[in-house]
């Protein structure tokens, strides 16, 4: 089963990072207000970047790493 690290673009232009098992379901969850507290007040969101991992632990490690970055560095990841 694959696991994912993702970046979501919020309605105010901010970026939210997270990890999950099912990208489509997680995006839907965020947009229904059932996701993270932050995204509930910044809807709608759309996923703009993701990476695939073989374990949830790896995906969570990547999420923790990227969360420490400033917005400019996260934007570079999104744009390649």
N, C-alpha and C. Protein backbone atom coordinates (compact mmCIF):
# COMPACT_ATOMS: atom_id res chain seq x y z
N UNK A 1 0.84 -1.19 0.00
CA UNK A 1 0.00 0.00 0.00
C UNK A 1 0.88 1.24 0.00
N UNK A 2 0.65 2.17 -0.92
CA UNK A 2 1.45 3.40 -0.93
C UNK A 2 0.95 4.40 0.11
N UNK A 3 1.85 5.24 0.54
CA UNK A 3 1.55 6.33 1.45
C UNK A 3 2.06 7.61 0.81
N UNK A 4 1.45 8.73 1.15
CA UNK A 4 1.78 9.98 0.47
C UNK A 4 2.06 11.12 1.43
N UNK A 5 2.99 11.95 1.02
CA UNK A 5 3.19 13.28 1.60
C UNK A 5 2.60 14.22 0.57
N UNK A 6 1.90 15.27 1.02
CA UNK A 6 1.29 16.19 0.06
C UNK A 6 1.38 17.64 0.53
N UNK A 7 1.27 18.54 -0.42
CA UNK A 7 1.09 19.96 -0.16
C UNK A 7 -0.23 20.38 -0.77
N UNK A 8 -1.03 21.08 0.00
CA UNK A 8 -2.32 21.56 -0.47
C UNK A 8 -2.30 23.08 -0.52
N UNK A 9 -2.84 23.63 -1.58
CA UNK A 9 -2.99 25.08 -1.71
C UNK A 9 -4.35 25.45 -1.12
N UNK A 10 -4.34 26.33 -0.15
CA UNK A 10 -5.58 26.78 0.50
C UNK A 10 -6.14 27.99 -0.24
N UNK A 11 -7.38 28.33 0.07
CA UNK A 11 -8.07 29.42 -0.64
C UNK A 11 -7.37 30.76 -0.48
N UNK A 12 -6.60 30.94 0.59
CA UNK A 12 -5.89 32.20 0.80
C UNK A 12 -4.48 32.18 0.21
N UNK A 13 -4.13 31.10 -0.49
CA UNK A 13 -2.82 30.99 -1.12
C UNK A 13 -1.77 30.31 -0.25
N UNK A 14 -2.09 30.03 1.00
CA UNK A 14 -1.13 29.36 1.88
C UNK A 14 -0.99 27.90 1.47
N UNK A 15 0.06 27.28 1.97
CA UNK A 15 0.31 25.86 1.69
C UNK A 15 0.19 25.06 2.98
N UNK A 16 -0.50 23.95 2.91
CA UNK A 16 -0.66 23.06 4.05
C UNK A 16 0.00 21.73 3.69
N UNK A 17 0.79 21.17 4.60
CA UNK A 17 1.43 19.89 4.32
C UNK A 17 0.82 18.80 5.19
N UNK A 18 0.76 17.61 4.62
CA UNK A 18 0.20 16.49 5.35
C UNK A 18 0.64 15.17 4.76
N UNK A 19 0.15 14.09 5.36
CA UNK A 19 0.43 12.75 4.84
C UNK A 19 -0.84 11.93 4.94
N UNK A 20 -0.95 10.94 4.05
CA UNK A 20 -2.18 10.14 3.99
C UNK A 20 -1.96 8.86 3.21
N UNK A 21 -3.03 8.07 3.12
CA UNK A 21 -3.02 6.82 2.36
C UNK A 21 -3.69 7.02 1.00
N UNK A 22 -4.76 7.80 0.97
CA UNK A 22 -5.56 7.99 -0.25
C UNK A 22 -5.68 9.49 -0.54
N UNK A 23 -4.98 9.95 -1.57
CA UNK A 23 -4.96 11.39 -1.88
C UNK A 23 -6.35 11.94 -2.20
N UNK A 24 -7.08 11.25 -3.03
CA UNK A 24 -8.40 11.74 -3.45
C UNK A 24 -9.34 11.85 -2.25
N UNK A 25 -9.35 10.83 -1.42
CA UNK A 25 -10.23 10.82 -0.24
C UNK A 25 -9.81 11.90 0.77
N UNK A 26 -8.50 12.09 0.93
CA UNK A 26 -8.01 13.09 1.89
C UNK A 26 -8.36 14.50 1.43
N UNK A 27 -8.22 14.78 0.15
CA UNK A 27 -8.58 16.09 -0.38
C UNK A 27 -10.08 16.34 -0.15
N UNK A 28 -10.89 15.33 -0.42
CA UNK A 28 -12.33 15.43 -0.21
C UNK A 28 -12.64 15.71 1.27
N UNK A 29 -11.96 15.01 2.14
CA UNK A 29 -12.13 15.16 3.58
C UNK A 29 -11.82 16.60 4.02
N UNK A 30 -10.71 17.13 3.55
CA UNK A 30 -10.35 18.53 3.86
C UNK A 30 -11.44 19.48 3.38
N UNK A 31 -11.91 19.29 2.17
CA UNK A 31 -12.89 20.21 1.60
C UNK A 31 -14.29 20.09 2.21
N UNK A 32 -14.56 18.98 2.88
CA UNK A 32 -15.82 18.81 3.59
C UNK A 32 -15.73 19.32 5.03
N UNK A 33 -14.57 19.86 5.40
CA UNK A 33 -14.39 20.39 6.74
C UNK A 33 -14.09 19.32 7.78
N UNK A 34 -13.74 18.12 7.34
CA UNK A 34 -13.46 17.01 8.25
C UNK A 34 -11.96 16.76 8.40
N UNK A 35 -11.15 17.59 7.78
CA UNK A 35 -9.70 17.41 7.84
C UNK A 35 -9.10 18.18 8.99
N UNK A 36 -7.92 18.67 8.79
CA UNK A 36 -7.19 19.40 9.82
C UNK A 36 -7.90 20.70 10.19
N UNK A 37 -7.70 21.12 11.42
CA UNK A 37 -8.31 22.37 11.90
C UNK A 37 -7.93 23.55 11.00
N UNK A 38 -6.67 23.60 10.58
CA UNK A 38 -6.21 24.71 9.73
C UNK A 38 -6.99 24.78 8.43
N UNK A 39 -7.15 23.64 7.77
CA UNK A 39 -7.80 23.67 6.46
C UNK A 39 -9.31 23.92 6.56
N UNK A 40 -9.90 23.64 7.71
CA UNK A 40 -11.34 23.91 7.88
C UNK A 40 -11.67 25.37 7.65
N UNK A 41 -10.76 26.25 8.06
CA UNK A 41 -11.02 27.69 7.90
C UNK A 41 -10.34 28.28 6.67
N UNK A 42 -9.75 27.43 5.84
CA UNK A 42 -9.06 27.90 4.64
C UNK A 42 -9.53 27.16 3.38
N UNK A 43 -10.77 26.71 3.40
CA UNK A 43 -11.33 25.98 2.26
C UNK A 43 -11.77 26.92 1.17
N UNK A 44 -11.84 26.42 -0.05
CA UNK A 44 -11.46 25.07 -0.47
C UNK A 44 -9.96 24.94 -0.62
N UNK A 45 -9.51 23.70 -0.59
CA UNK A 45 -8.09 23.42 -0.81
C UNK A 45 -7.98 22.53 -2.05
N UNK A 46 -6.78 22.50 -2.63
CA UNK A 46 -6.51 21.55 -3.71
C UNK A 46 -5.07 21.10 -3.57
N UNK A 47 -4.85 19.83 -3.81
CA UNK A 47 -3.50 19.30 -3.72
C UNK A 47 -2.70 19.78 -4.91
N UNK A 48 -1.51 20.31 -4.64
CA UNK A 48 -0.66 20.84 -5.72
C UNK A 48 0.65 20.07 -5.86
N UNK A 49 0.91 19.16 -4.92
CA UNK A 49 2.16 18.41 -4.96
C UNK A 49 2.01 17.17 -4.09
N UNK A 50 2.65 16.07 -4.49
CA UNK A 50 2.69 14.90 -3.62
C UNK A 50 3.91 14.04 -3.96
N UNK A 51 4.31 13.25 -2.97
CA UNK A 51 5.38 12.27 -3.11
C UNK A 51 4.86 10.96 -2.55
N UNK A 52 5.27 9.87 -3.16
CA UNK A 52 4.81 8.53 -2.77
C UNK A 52 5.90 7.83 -1.95
N UNK A 53 5.49 7.12 -0.89
CA UNK A 53 6.41 6.39 -0.02
C UNK A 53 5.88 4.98 0.23
N UNK A 54 6.76 4.09 0.64
CA UNK A 54 6.34 2.72 0.90
C UNK A 54 5.85 2.51 2.34
N UNK A 55 6.18 3.46 3.24
CA UNK A 55 5.68 3.37 4.62
C UNK A 55 5.12 4.71 5.06
N UNK A 56 4.18 4.65 6.00
CA UNK A 56 3.61 5.87 6.55
C UNK A 56 4.67 6.65 7.32
N UNK A 57 5.56 5.94 7.96
CA UNK A 57 6.64 6.57 8.72
C UNK A 57 7.49 7.46 7.81
N UNK A 58 7.82 6.98 6.62
CA UNK A 58 8.61 7.79 5.67
C UNK A 58 7.84 9.03 5.23
N UNK A 59 6.56 8.86 4.95
CA UNK A 59 5.73 10.00 4.54
C UNK A 59 5.63 11.04 5.65
N UNK A 60 5.48 10.58 6.88
CA UNK A 60 5.39 11.50 8.02
C UNK A 60 6.72 12.22 8.27
N UNK A 61 7.82 11.51 8.06
CA UNK A 61 9.14 12.14 8.20
C UNK A 61 9.31 13.26 7.19
N UNK A 62 8.89 13.00 5.96
CA UNK A 62 8.99 14.02 4.91
C UNK A 62 8.09 15.21 5.25
N UNK A 63 6.89 14.93 5.75
CA UNK A 63 5.98 16.00 6.15
C UNK A 63 6.62 16.87 7.23
N UNK A 64 7.21 16.25 8.24
CA UNK A 64 7.86 17.00 9.33
C UNK A 64 9.01 17.84 8.79
N UNK A 65 9.77 17.30 7.84
CA UNK A 65 10.88 18.03 7.24
C UNK A 65 10.39 19.28 6.51
N UNK A 66 9.39 19.10 5.65
CA UNK A 66 8.90 20.21 4.82
C UNK A 66 8.16 21.26 5.66
N UNK A 67 7.49 20.85 6.72
CA UNK A 67 6.77 21.80 7.57
C UNK A 67 7.70 22.87 8.15
N UNK A 68 8.98 22.53 8.31
CA UNK A 68 9.96 23.46 8.86
C UNK A 68 10.42 24.50 7.84
N UNK A 69 10.16 24.25 6.57
CA UNK A 69 10.62 25.14 5.51
C UNK A 69 9.79 26.42 5.47
N UNK A 70 10.39 27.49 4.94
CA UNK A 70 9.62 28.72 4.71
C UNK A 70 8.78 28.55 3.45
N UNK A 71 7.86 29.48 3.25
CA UNK A 71 6.92 29.35 2.13
C UNK A 71 7.64 29.36 0.78
N UNK A 72 8.68 30.17 0.64
CA UNK A 72 9.40 30.24 -0.63
C UNK A 72 10.00 28.89 -1.01
N UNK A 73 10.56 28.18 -0.05
CA UNK A 73 11.15 26.88 -0.33
C UNK A 73 10.06 25.86 -0.69
N UNK A 74 8.91 25.93 -0.02
CA UNK A 74 7.80 25.05 -0.35
C UNK A 74 7.28 25.34 -1.76
N UNK A 75 7.22 26.62 -2.12
CA UNK A 75 6.77 26.99 -3.48
C UNK A 75 7.71 26.43 -4.52
N UNK A 76 9.01 26.42 -4.23
CA UNK A 76 9.99 25.84 -5.17
C UNK A 76 9.73 24.35 -5.37
N UNK A 77 9.34 23.67 -4.31
CA UNK A 77 9.03 22.24 -4.41
C UNK A 77 7.81 22.05 -5.32
N UNK A 78 6.81 22.90 -5.16
CA UNK A 78 5.58 22.80 -5.97
C UNK A 78 5.88 23.04 -7.45
N UNK A 79 6.68 24.05 -7.73
CA UNK A 79 6.94 24.43 -9.13
C UNK A 79 8.05 23.61 -9.77
N UNK A 80 8.78 22.86 -8.96
CA UNK A 80 9.84 22.01 -9.52
C UNK A 80 11.09 22.76 -9.64
